[in-house]
Amino acid sequence: MARTERTTRIAELEALAEATGFDPANYRGDWRLQLGSPGSGNHFIEVSLDEADAVWLFLHSGSRGVGNRIAQHHIRVAQELCRAELRWAQHFALLN
């Protein structure tokens, strides 16, 4: 990815994060460095040949960990809300 394109994309992502009221660096401080890279974990580049011997590149890049960390945060929040609401429902049943 060209430097100016990368800078433009980072600026777009920063503006979107600011508009939605969160700082992705709270989840992963190096998210800017991850943009434009294959990443790590289950992210990879695969070179394959098809039946006609044509070369195909397959890239799985994903959200470079920042997406996972954001998702894990919101899963924990949802689980806690669920526990609170279920406790309320259980108490309602008890009082009923």
PDB file of N, CA and C in Angstrom:
ATOM      1  N   MET A   1       0.852  -1.165   0.000  1.00  0.00           N
ATOM      2  CA  MET A   1       0.000   0.000   0.000  1.00  0.00           C
ATOM      3  C   MET A   1       0.902   1.233   0.000  1.00  0.00           C
ATOM      4  N   ALA A   2       0.617   2.178  -0.882  1.00  0.00           N
ATOM      5  CA  ALA A   2       1.416   3.398  -0.978  1.00  0.00           C
ATOM      6  C   ALA A   2       1.279   4.220   0.300  1.00  0.00           C
ATOM      7  N   ARG A   3       2.330   4.959   0.630  1.00  0.00           N
ATOM      8  CA  ARG A   3       2.353   5.739   1.870  1.00  0.00           C
ATOM      9  C   ARG A   3       1.180   6.724   1.955  1.00  0.00           C
ATOM     10  N   THR A   4       0.895   7.442   0.864  1.00  0.00           N
ATOM     11  CA  THR A   4      -0.204   8.420   0.907  1.00  0.00           C
ATOM     12  C   THR A   4      -1.557   7.730   1.058  1.00  0.00           C
ATOM     13  N   GLU A   5      -1.711   6.587   0.406  1.00  0.00           N
ATOM     14  CA  GLU A   5      -2.966   5.834   0.538  1.00  0.00           C
ATOM     15  C   GLU A   5      -3.124   5.337   1.976  1.00  0.00           C
ATOM     16  N   ARG A   6      -2.041   4.848   2.556  1.00  0.00           N
ATOM     17  CA  ARG A   6      -2.065   4.363   3.935  1.00  0.00           C
ATOM     18  C   ARG A   6      -2.416   5.511   4.884  1.00  0.00           C
ATOM     19  N   THR A   7      -1.781   6.664   4.682  1.00  0.00           N
ATOM     20  CA  THR A   7      -2.047   7.839   5.515  1.00  0.00           C
ATOM     21  C   THR A   7      -3.503   8.269   5.393  1.00  0.00           C
ATOM     22  N   THR A   8      -4.039   8.241   4.176  1.00  0.00           N
ATOM     23  CA  THR A   8      -5.438   8.604   3.947  1.00  0.00           C
ATOM     24  C   THR A   8      -6.368   7.628   4.660  1.00  0.00           C
ATOM     25  N   ARG A   9      -6.057   6.356   4.574  1.00  0.00           N
ATOM     26  CA  ARG A   9      -6.906   5.344   5.227  1.00  0.00           C
ATOM     27  C   ARG A   9      -6.846   5.468   6.748  1.00  0.00           C
ATOM     28  N   ILE A  10      -5.655   5.743   7.278  1.00  0.00           N
ATOM     29  CA  ILE A  10      -5.530   5.937   8.727  1.00  0.00           C
ATOM     30  C   ILE A  10      -6.357   7.137   9.160  1.00  0.00           C
ATOM     31  N   ALA A  11      -6.262   8.236   8.413  1.00  0.00           N
ATOM     32  CA  ALA A  11      -7.046   9.436   8.739  1.00  0.00           C
ATOM     33  C   ALA A  11      -8.539   9.136   8.701  1.00  0.00           C
ATOM     34  N   GLU A  12      -8.976   8.354   7.714  1.00  0.00           N
ATOM     35  CA  GLU A  12     -10.392   7.979   7.617  1.00  0.00           C
ATOM     36  C   GLU A  12     -10.824   7.164   8.826  1.00  0.00           C
ATOM     37  N   LEU A  13      -9.993   6.212   9.220  1.00  0.00           N
ATOM     38  CA  LEU A  13     -10.312   5.373  10.375  1.00  0.00           C
ATOM     39  C   LEU A  13     -10.295   6.181  11.672  1.00  0.00           C
ATOM     40  N   GLU A  14      -9.355   7.103  11.801  1.00  0.00           N
ATOM     41  CA  GLU A  14      -9.305   7.956  12.988  1.00  0.00           C
ATOM     42  C   GLU A  14     -10.558   8.830  13.079  1.00  0.00           C
ATOM     43  N   ALA A  15     -10.983   9.405  11.948  1.00  0.00           N
ATOM     44  CA  ALA A  15     -12.184  10.249  11.934  1.00  0.00           C
ATOM     45  C   ALA A  15     -13.425   9.433  12.279  1.00  0.00           C
ATOM     46  N   LEU A  16     -13.521   8.228  11.741  1.00  0.00           N
ATOM     47  CA  LEU A  16     -14.660   7.362  12.035  1.00  0.00           C
ATOM     48  C   LEU A  16     -14.688   6.994  13.516  1.00  0.00           C
ATOM     49  N   ALA A  17     -13.534   6.665  14.078  1.00  0.00           N
ATOM     50  CA  ALA A  17     -13.463   6.321  15.502  1.00  0.00           C
ATOM     51  C   ALA A  17     -13.870   7.512  16.357  1.00  0.00           C
ATOM     52  N   GLU A  18     -13.375   8.702  16.002  1.00  0.00           N
ATOM     53  CA  GLU A  18     -13.731   9.902  16.764  1.00  0.00           C
ATOM     54  C   GLU A  18     -15.226  10.192  16.658  1.00  0.00           C
ATOM     55  N   ALA A  19     -15.786  10.032  15.476  1.00  0.00           N
ATOM     56  CA  ALA A  19     -17.216  10.287  15.275  1.00  0.00           C
ATOM     57  C   ALA A  19     -18.086   9.316  16.053  1.00  0.00           C
ATOM     58  N   THR A  20     -17.600   8.100  16.238  1.00  0.00           N
ATOM     59  CA  THR A  20     -18.373   7.103  16.986  1.00  0.00           C
ATOM     60  C   THR A  20     -18.029   7.092  18.462  1.00  0.00           C
ATOM     61  N   GLY A  21     -17.056   7.924  18.860  1.00  0.00           N
ATOM     62  CA  GLY A  21     -16.784   8.107  20.280  1.00  0.00           C
ATOM     63  C   GLY A  21     -15.925   7.057  20.949  1.00  0.00           C
ATOM     64  N   PHE A  22     -15.004   6.472  20.209  1.00  0.00           N
ATOM     65  CA  PHE A  22     -14.105   5.538  20.875  1.00  0.00           C
ATOM     66  C   PHE A  22     -12.697   5.658  20.311  1.00  0.00           C
ATOM     67  N   ASP A  23     -11.734   5.165  21.085  1.00  0.00           N
ATOM     68  CA  ASP A  23     -10.331   5.197  20.680  1.00  0.00           C
ATOM     69  C   ASP A  23      -9.870   3.759  20.469  1.00  0.00           C
ATOM     70  N   PRO A  24      -9.628   3.346  19.217  1.00  0.00           N
ATOM     71  CA  PRO A  24      -9.195   1.972  18.976  1.00  0.00           C
ATOM     72  C   PRO A  24      -7.886   1.630  19.678  1.00  0.00           C
ATOM     73  N   ALA A  25      -7.084   2.648  20.015  1.00  0.00           N
ATOM     74  CA  ALA A  25      -5.833   2.395  20.732  1.00  0.00           C
ATOM     75  C   ALA A  25      -6.083   1.841  22.133  1.00  0.00           C
ATOM     76  N   ASN A  26      -7.295   2.044  22.667  1.00  0.00           N
ATOM     77  CA  ASN A  26      -7.625   1.429  23.956  1.00  0.00           C
ATOM     78  C   ASN A  26      -7.662  -0.085  23.851  1.00  0.00           C
ATOM     79  N   TYR A  27      -7.872  -0.587  22.652  1.00  0.00           N
ATOM     80  CA  TYR A  27      -7.940  -2.027  22.422  1.00  0.00           C
ATOM     81  C   TYR A  27      -6.628  -2.573  21.880  1.00  0.00           C
ATOM     82  N   ARG A  28      -6.006  -1.802  21.003  1.00  0.00           N
ATOM     83  CA  ARG A  28      -4.739  -2.245  20.412  1.00  0.00           C
ATOM     84  C   ARG A  28      -3.977  -0.998  19.974  1.00  0.00           C
ATOM     85  N   GLY A  29      -2.925  -0.674  20.705  1.00  0.00           N
ATOM     86  CA  GLY A  29      -2.176   0.543  20.465  1.00  0.00           C
ATOM     87  C   GLY A  29      -1.477   0.610  19.123  1.00  0.00           C
ATOM     88  N   ASP A  30      -1.169  -0.536  18.551  1.00  0.00           N
ATOM     89  CA  ASP A  30      -0.419  -0.553  17.280  1.00  0.00           C
ATOM     90  C   ASP A  30      -1.304  -0.750  16.060  1.00  0.00           C
ATOM     91  N   TRP A  31      -2.579  -0.422  16.161  1.00  0.00           N
ATOM     92  CA  TRP A  31      -3.492  -0.675  15.041  1.00  0.00           C
ATOM     93  C   TRP A  31      -3.048   0.033  13.779  1.00  0.00           C
ATOM     94  N   ARG A  32      -2.455   1.205  13.887  1.00  0.00           N
ATOM     95  CA  ARG A  32      -1.992   1.933  12.689  1.00  0.00           C
ATOM     96  C   ARG A  32      -0.889   1.158  11.967  1.00  0.00           C
ATOM     97  N   LEU A  33      -0.019   0.515  12.725  1.00  0.00           N
ATOM     98  CA  LEU A  33       1.071  -0.265  12.125  1.00  0.00           C
ATOM     99  C   LEU A  33       0.555  -1.513  11.430  1.00  0.00           C
ATOM    100  N   GLN A  34      -0.575  -2.021  11.872  1.00  0.00           N
ATOM    101  CA  GLN A  34      -1.143  -3.241  11.317  1.00  0.00           C
ATOM    102  C   GLN A  34      -1.800  -3.012   9.957  1.00  0.00           C
ATOM    103  N   LEU A  35      -2.246  -1.774   9.701  1.00  0.00           N
ATOM    104  CA  LEU A  35      -2.946  -1.479   8.453  1.00  0.00           C
ATOM    105  C   LEU A  35      -2.019  -1.699   7.256  1.00  0.00           C
ATOM    106  N   GLY A  36      -2.456  -2.507   6.310  1.00  0.00           N
ATOM    107  CA  GLY A  36      -1.671  -2.789   5.112  1.00  0.00           C
ATOM    108  C   GLY A  36      -0.709  -3.945   5.259  1.00  0.00           C
ATOM    109  N   SER A  37      -0.780  -4.671   6.362  1.00  0.00           N
ATOM    110  CA  SER A  37       0.088  -5.833   6.567  1.00  0.00           C
ATOM    111  C   SER A  37      -0.767  -7.092   6.610  1.00  0.00           C
ATOM    112  N   PRO A  38      -0.137  -8.256   6.424  1.00  0.00           N
ATOM    113  CA  PRO A  38      -0.928  -9.482   6.534  1.00  0.00           C
ATOM    114  C   PRO A  38      -1.380  -9.757   7.961  1.00  0.00           C
ATOM    115  N   GLY A  39      -0.747  -9.137   8.938  1.00  0.00           N
ATOM    116  CA  GLY A  39      -1.145  -9.349  10.324  1.00  0.00           C
ATOM    117  C   GLY A  39      -0.485 -10.577  10.914  1.00  0.00           C
ATOM    118  N   SER A  40      -1.171 -11.200  11.864  1.00  0.00           N
ATOM    119  CA  SER A  40      -0.617 -12.362  12.558  1.00  0.00           C
ATOM    120  C   SER A  40      -1.757 -13.294  12.932  1.00  0.00           C
ATOM    121  N   GLY A  41      -1.451 -14.302  13.706  1.00  0.00           N
ATOM    122  CA  GLY A  41      -2.481 -15.250  14.115  1.00  0.00           C
ATOM    123  C   GLY A  41      -2.967 -16.058  12.939  1.00  0.00           C
ATOM    124  N   ASN A  42      -4.267 -16.014  12.664  1.00  0.00           N
ATOM    125  CA  ASN A  42      -4.820 -16.799  11.563  1.00  0.00           C
ATOM    126  C   ASN A  42      -4.832 -16.009  10.255  1.00  0.00           C
ATOM    127  N   HIS A  43      -4.067 -14.940  10.167  1.00  0.00           N
ATOM    128  CA  HIS A  43      -3.979 -14.145   8.946  1.00  0.00           C
ATOM    129  C   HIS A  43      -2.819 -14.657   8.103  1.00  0.00           C
ATOM    130  N   PHE A  44      -3.063 -14.791   6.806  1.00  0.00           N
ATOM    131  CA  PHE A  44      -2.062 -15.421   5.960  1.00  0.00           C
ATOM    132  C   PHE A  44      -2.249 -15.030   4.508  1.00  0.00           C
ATOM    133  N   ILE A  45      -1.213 -15.309   3.716  1.00  0.00           N
ATOM    134  CA  ILE A  45      -1.279 -15.201   2.255  1.00  0.00           C
ATOM    135  C   ILE A  45      -0.951 -16.590   1.718  1.00  0.00           C
ATOM    136  N   GLU A  46      -1.811 -17.096   0.851  1.00  0.00           N
ATOM    137  CA  GLU A  46      -1.635 -18.434   0.285  1.00  0.00           C
ATOM    138  C   GLU A  46      -1.527 -18.317  -1.231  1.00  0.00           C
ATOM    139  N   VAL A  47      -0.559 -19.021  -1.803  1.00  0.00           N
ATOM    140  CA  VAL A  47      -0.399 -19.076  -3.252  1.00  0.00           C
ATOM    141  C   VAL A  47      -0.850 -20.462  -3.699  1.00  0.00           C
ATOM    142  N   SER A  48      -1.778 -20.507  -4.660  1.00  0.00           N
ATOM    143  CA  SER A  48      -2.332 -21.790  -5.100  1.00  0.00           C
ATOM    144  C   SER A  48      -2.381 -21.848  -6.624  1.00  0.00           C
ATOM    145  N   LEU A  49      -2.415 -23.071  -7.135  1.00  0.00           N
ATOM    146  CA  LEU A  49      -2.632 -23.320  -8.561  1.00  0.00           C
ATOM    147  C   LEU A  49      -3.986 -23.977  -8.724  1.00  0.00           C
ATOM    148  N   ASP A  50      -4.745 -23.538  -9.734  1.00  0.00           N
ATOM    149  CA  ASP A  50      -6.000 -24.215 -10.001  1.00  0.00           C
ATOM    150  C   ASP A  50      -5.772 -25.307 -11.044  1.00  0.00           C
ATOM    151  N   GLU A  51      -6.859 -25.961 -11.477  1.00  0.00           N
ATOM    152  CA  GLU A  51      -6.741 -27.089 -12.406  1.00  0.00           C
ATOM    153  C   GLU A  51      -6.172 -26.689 -13.766  1.00  0.00           C
ATOM    154  N   ALA A  52      -6.209 -25.401 -14.101  1.00  0.00           N
ATOM    155  CA  ALA A  52      -5.644 -24.915 -15.371  1.00  0.00           C
ATOM    156  C   ALA A  52      -4.243 -24.331 -15.167  1.00  0.00           C
ATOM    157  N   ASP A  53      -3.662 -24.591 -14.009  1.00  0.00           N
ATOM    158  CA  ASP A  53      -2.347 -24.074 -13.622  1.00  0.00           C
ATOM    159  C   ASP A  53      -2.289 -22.547 -13.552  1.00  0.00           C
ATOM    160  N   ALA A  54      -3.430 -21.913 -13.361  1.00  0.00           N
ATOM    161  CA  ALA A  54      -3.447 -20.474 -13.112  1.00  0.00           C
ATOM    162  C   ALA A  54      -3.090 -20.241 -11.644  1.00  0.00           C
ATOM    163  N   VAL A  55      -2.312 -19.212 -11.399  1.00  0.00           N
ATOM    164  CA  VAL A  55      -1.880 -18.898 -10.042  1.00  0.00           C
ATOM    165  C   VAL A  55      -2.910 -17.986  -9.378  1.00  0.00           C
ATOM    166  N   TRP A  56      -3.279 -18.346  -8.153  1.00  0.00           N
ATOM    167  CA  TRP A  56      -4.219 -17.562  -7.370  1.00  0.00           C
ATOM    168  C   TRP A  56      -3.565 -17.180  -6.053  1.00  0.00           C
ATOM    169  N   LEU A  57      -3.787 -15.949  -5.633  1.00  0.00           N
ATOM    170  CA  LEU A  57      -3.355 -15.512  -4.309  1.00  0.00           C
ATOM    171  C   LEU A  57      -4.585 -15.370  -3.437  1.00  0.00           C
ATOM    172  N   PHE A  58      -4.508 -15.933  -2.261  1.00  0.00           N
ATOM    173  CA  PHE A  58      -5.606 -15.848  -1.311  1.00  0.00           C
ATOM    174  C   PHE A  58      -5.077 -15.146  -0.080  1.00  0.00           C
ATOM    175  N   LEU A  59      -5.727 -14.060   0.294  1.00  0.00           N
ATOM    176  CA  LEU A  59      -5.298 -13.269   1.444  1.00  0.00           C
ATOM    177  C   LEU A  59      -6.402 -13.253   2.486  1.00  0.00           C
ATOM    178  N   HIS A  60      -6.055 -13.653   3.682  1.00  0.00           N
ATOM    179  CA  HIS A  60      -6.954 -13.478   4.823  1.00  0.00           C
ATOM    180  C   HIS A  60      -6.243 -12.552   5.781  1.00  0.00           C
ATOM    181  N   SER A  61      -6.761 -11.328   5.872  1.00  0.00           N
ATOM    182  CA  SER A  61      -6.083 -10.341   6.715  1.00  0.00           C
ATOM    183  C   SER A  61      -6.890  -9.948   7.942  1.00  0.00           C
ATOM    184  N   GLY A  62      -8.176  -9.868   7.822  1.00  0.00           N
ATOM    185  CA  GLY A  62      -9.010  -9.564   8.980  1.00  0.00           C
ATOM    186  C   GLY A  62      -8.754  -8.203   9.580  1.00  0.00           C
ATOM    187  N   SER A  63      -9.095  -8.043  10.844  1.00  0.00           N
ATOM    188  CA  SER A  63      -9.010  -6.748  11.520  1.00  0.00           C
ATOM    189  C   SER A  63      -7.781  -6.629  12.411  1.00  0.00           C
ATOM    190  N   ARG A  64      -6.821  -7.508  12.250  1.00  0.00           N
ATOM    191  CA  ARG A  64      -5.513  -7.427  12.895  1.00  0.00           C
ATOM    192  C   ARG A  64      -5.545  -7.396  14.411  1.00  0.00           C
ATOM    193  N   GLY A  65      -6.463  -8.084  15.020  1.00  0.00           N
ATOM    194  CA  GLY A  65      -6.495  -8.137  16.479  1.00  0.00           C
ATOM    195  C   GLY A  65      -7.321  -7.045  17.117  1.00  0.00           C
ATOM    196  N   VAL A  66      -7.336  -5.857  16.531  1.00  0.00           N
ATOM    197  CA  VAL A  66      -8.123  -4.777  17.131  1.00  0.00           C
ATOM    198  C   VAL A  66      -9.604  -5.128  17.087  1.00  0.00           C
ATOM    199  N   GLY A  67     -10.066  -5.731  16.001  1.00  0.00           N
ATOM    200  CA  GLY A  67     -11.468  -6.144  15.910  1.00  0.00           C
ATOM    201  C   GLY A  67     -11.812  -7.185  16.959  1.00  0.00           C
ATOM    202  N   ASN A  68     -10.913  -8.132  17.161  1.00  0.00           N
ATOM    203  CA  ASN A  68     -11.136  -9.168  18.172  1.00  0.00           C
ATOM    204  C   ASN A  68     -11.199  -8.569  19.563  1.00  0.00           C
ATOM    205  N   ARG A  69     -10.298  -7.654  19.855  1.00  0.00           N
ATOM    206  CA  ARG A  69     -10.300  -7.048  21.190  1.00  0.00           C
ATOM    207  C   ARG A  69     -11.549  -6.203  21.425  1.00  0.00           C
ATOM    208  N   ILE A  70     -12.001  -5.487  20.400  1.00  0.00           N
ATOM    209  CA  ILE A  70     -13.249  -4.731  20.523  1.00  0.00           C
ATOM    210  C   ILE A  70     -14.409  -5.695  20.740  1.00  0.00           C
ATOM    211  N   ALA A  71     -14.453  -6.762  19.960  1.00  0.00           N
ATOM    212  CA  ALA A  71     -15.526  -7.756  20.099  1.00  0.00           C
ATOM    213  C   ALA A  71     -15.512  -8.385  21.488  1.00  0.00           C
ATOM    214  N   GLN A  72     -14.338  -8.752  21.997  1.00  0.00           N
ATOM    215  CA  GLN A  72     -14.243  -9.360  23.328  1.00  0.00           C
ATOM    216  C   GLN A  72     -14.752  -8.407  24.400  1.00  0.00           C
ATOM    217  N   HIS A  73     -14.426  -7.124  24.263  1.00  0.00           N
ATOM    218  CA  HIS A  73     -14.928  -6.126  25.223  1.00  0.00           C
ATOM    219  C   HIS A  73     -16.453  -6.107  25.222  1.00  0.00           C
ATOM    220  N   HIS A  74     -17.040  -6.037  24.034  1.00  0.00           N
ATOM    221  CA  HIS A  74     -18.498  -5.941  23.954  1.00  0.00           C
ATOM    222  C   HIS A  74     -19.182  -7.248  24.330  1.00  0.00           C
ATOM    223  N   ILE A  75     -18.534  -8.355  24.103  1.00  0.00           N
ATOM    224  CA  ILE A  75     -19.078  -9.639  24.571  1.00  0.00           C
ATOM    225  C   ILE A  75     -19.134  -9.650  26.091  1.00  0.00           C
ATOM    226  N   ARG A  76     -18.057  -9.167  26.752  1.00  0.00           N
ATOM    227  CA  ARG A  76     -18.062  -9.102  28.225  1.00  0.00           C
ATOM    228  C   ARG A  76     -19.173  -8.169  28.722  1.00  0.00           C
ATOM    229  N   VAL A  77     -19.330  -7.008  28.062  1.00  0.00           N
ATOM    230  CA  VAL A  77     -20.397  -6.073  28.448  1.00  0.00           C
ATOM    231  C   VAL A  77     -21.757  -6.747  28.284  1.00  0.00           C
ATOM    232  N   ALA A  78     -21.963  -7.412  27.145  1.00  0.00           N
ATOM    233  CA  ALA A  78     -23.243  -8.089  26.894  1.00  0.00           C
ATOM    234  C   ALA A  78     -23.489  -9.188  27.919  1.00  0.00           C
ATOM    235  N   GLN A  79     -22.441  -9.938  28.268  1.00  0.00           N
ATOM    236  CA  GLN A  79     -22.609 -11.008  29.253  1.00  0.00           C
ATOM    237  C   GLN A  79     -23.017 -10.437  30.602  1.00  0.00           C
ATOM    238  N   GLU A  80     -22.405  -9.321  31.003  1.00  0.00           N
ATOM    239  CA  GLU A  80     -22.758  -8.714  32.279  1.00  0.00           C
ATOM    240  C   GLU A  80     -24.185  -8.183  32.259  1.00  0.00           C
ATOM    241  N   LEU A  81     -24.578  -7.539  31.166  1.00  0.00           N
ATOM    242  CA  LEU A  81     -25.967  -7.071  31.052  1.00  0.00           C
ATOM    243  C   LEU A  81     -26.933  -8.243  31.100  1.00  0.00           C
ATOM    244  N   CYS A  82     -26.566  -9.307  30.431  1.00  0.00           N
ATOM    245  CA  CYS A  82     -27.422 -10.496  30.421  1.00  0.00           C
ATOM    246  C   CYS A  82     -27.568 -11.048  31.832  1.00  0.00           C
ATOM    247  N   ARG A  83     -26.420 -11.132  32.564  1.00  0.00           N
ATOM    248  CA  ARG A  83     -26.490 -11.642  33.945  1.00  0.00           C
ATOM    249  C   ARG A  83     -27.406 -10.764  34.793  1.00  0.00           C
ATOM    250  N   ALA A  84     -27.262  -9.434  34.668  1.00  0.00           N
ATOM    251  CA  ALA A  84     -28.095  -8.519  35.464  1.00  0.00           C
ATOM    252  C   ALA A  84     -29.561  -8.701  35.119  1.00  0.00           C
ATOM    253  N   GLU A  85     -29.881  -8.781  33.835  1.00  0.00           N
ATOM    254  CA  GLU A  85     -31.271  -8.929  33.430  1.00  0.00           C
ATOM    255  C   GLU A  85     -31.829 -10.287  33.845  1.00  0.00           C
ATOM    256  N   LEU A  86     -31.000 -11.323  33.745  1.00  0.00           N
ATOM    257  CA  LEU A  86     -31.472 -12.647  34.167  1.00  0.00           C
ATOM    258  C   LEU A  86     -31.687 -12.693  35.679  1.00  0.00           C
ATOM    259  N   ARG A  87     -30.818 -12.010  36.434  1.00  0.00           N
ATOM    260  CA  ARG A  87     -31.028 -11.946  37.885  1.00  0.00           C
ATOM    261  C   ARG A  87     -32.362 -11.251  38.190  1.00  0.00           C
ATOM    262  N   TRP A  88     -32.641 -10.172  37.452  1.00  0.00           N
ATOM    263  CA  TRP A  88     -33.909  -9.471  37.632  1.00  0.00           C
ATOM    264  C   TRP A  88     -35.076 -10.407  37.332  1.00  0.00           C
ATOM    265  N   ALA A  89     -34.969 -11.149  36.220  1.00  0.00           N
ATOM    266  CA  ALA A  89     -36.034 -12.075  35.839  1.00  0.00           C
ATOM    267  C   ALA A  89     -36.210 -13.167  36.895  1.00  0.00           C
ATOM    268  N   GLN A  90     -35.100 -13.645  37.440  1.00  0.00           N
ATOM    269  CA  GLN A  90     -35.202 -14.656  38.496  1.00  0.00           C
ATOM    270  C   GLN A  90     -35.874 -14.081  39.743  1.00  0.00           C
ATOM    271  N   HIS A  91     -35.521 -12.859  40.097  1.00  0.00           N
ATOM    272  CA  HIS A  91     -36.150 -12.220  41.252  1.00  0.00           C
ATOM    273  C   HIS A  91     -37.637 -11.969  40.995  1.00  0.00           C
ATOM    274  N   PHE A  92     -37.973 -11.570  39.768  1.00  0.00           N
ATOM    275  CA  PHE A  92     -39.368 -11.384  39.397  1.00  0.00           C
ATOM    276  C   PHE A  92     -40.131 -12.703  39.603  1.00  0.00           C
ATOM    277  N   ALA A  93     -39.520 -13.797  39.133  1.00  0.00           N
ATOM    278  CA  ALA A  93     -40.164 -15.099  39.294  1.00  0.00           C
ATOM    279  C   ALA A  93     -40.338 -15.443  40.762  1.00  0.00           C
ATOM    280  N   LEU A  94     -39.336 -15.131  41.583  1.00  0.00           N
ATOM    281  CA  LEU A  94     -39.422 -15.409  43.015  1.00  0.00           C
ATOM    282  C   LEU A  94     -40.565 -14.614  43.646  1.00  0.00           C
ATOM    283  N   LEU A  95     -40.651 -13.324  43.311  1.00  0.00           N
ATOM    284  CA  LEU A  95     -41.700 -12.490  43.879  1.00  0.00           C
ATOM    285  C   LEU A  95     -43.085 -12.843  43.328  1.00  0.00           C
ATOM    286  N   ASN A  96     -43.120 -13.404  42.147  1.00  0.00           N
ATOM    287  CA  ASN A  96     -44.381 -13.795  41.539  1.00  0.00           C
ATOM    288  C   ASN A  96     -44.967 -14.971  42.284  1.00  0.00           C
TER     289      ASN A  96
END
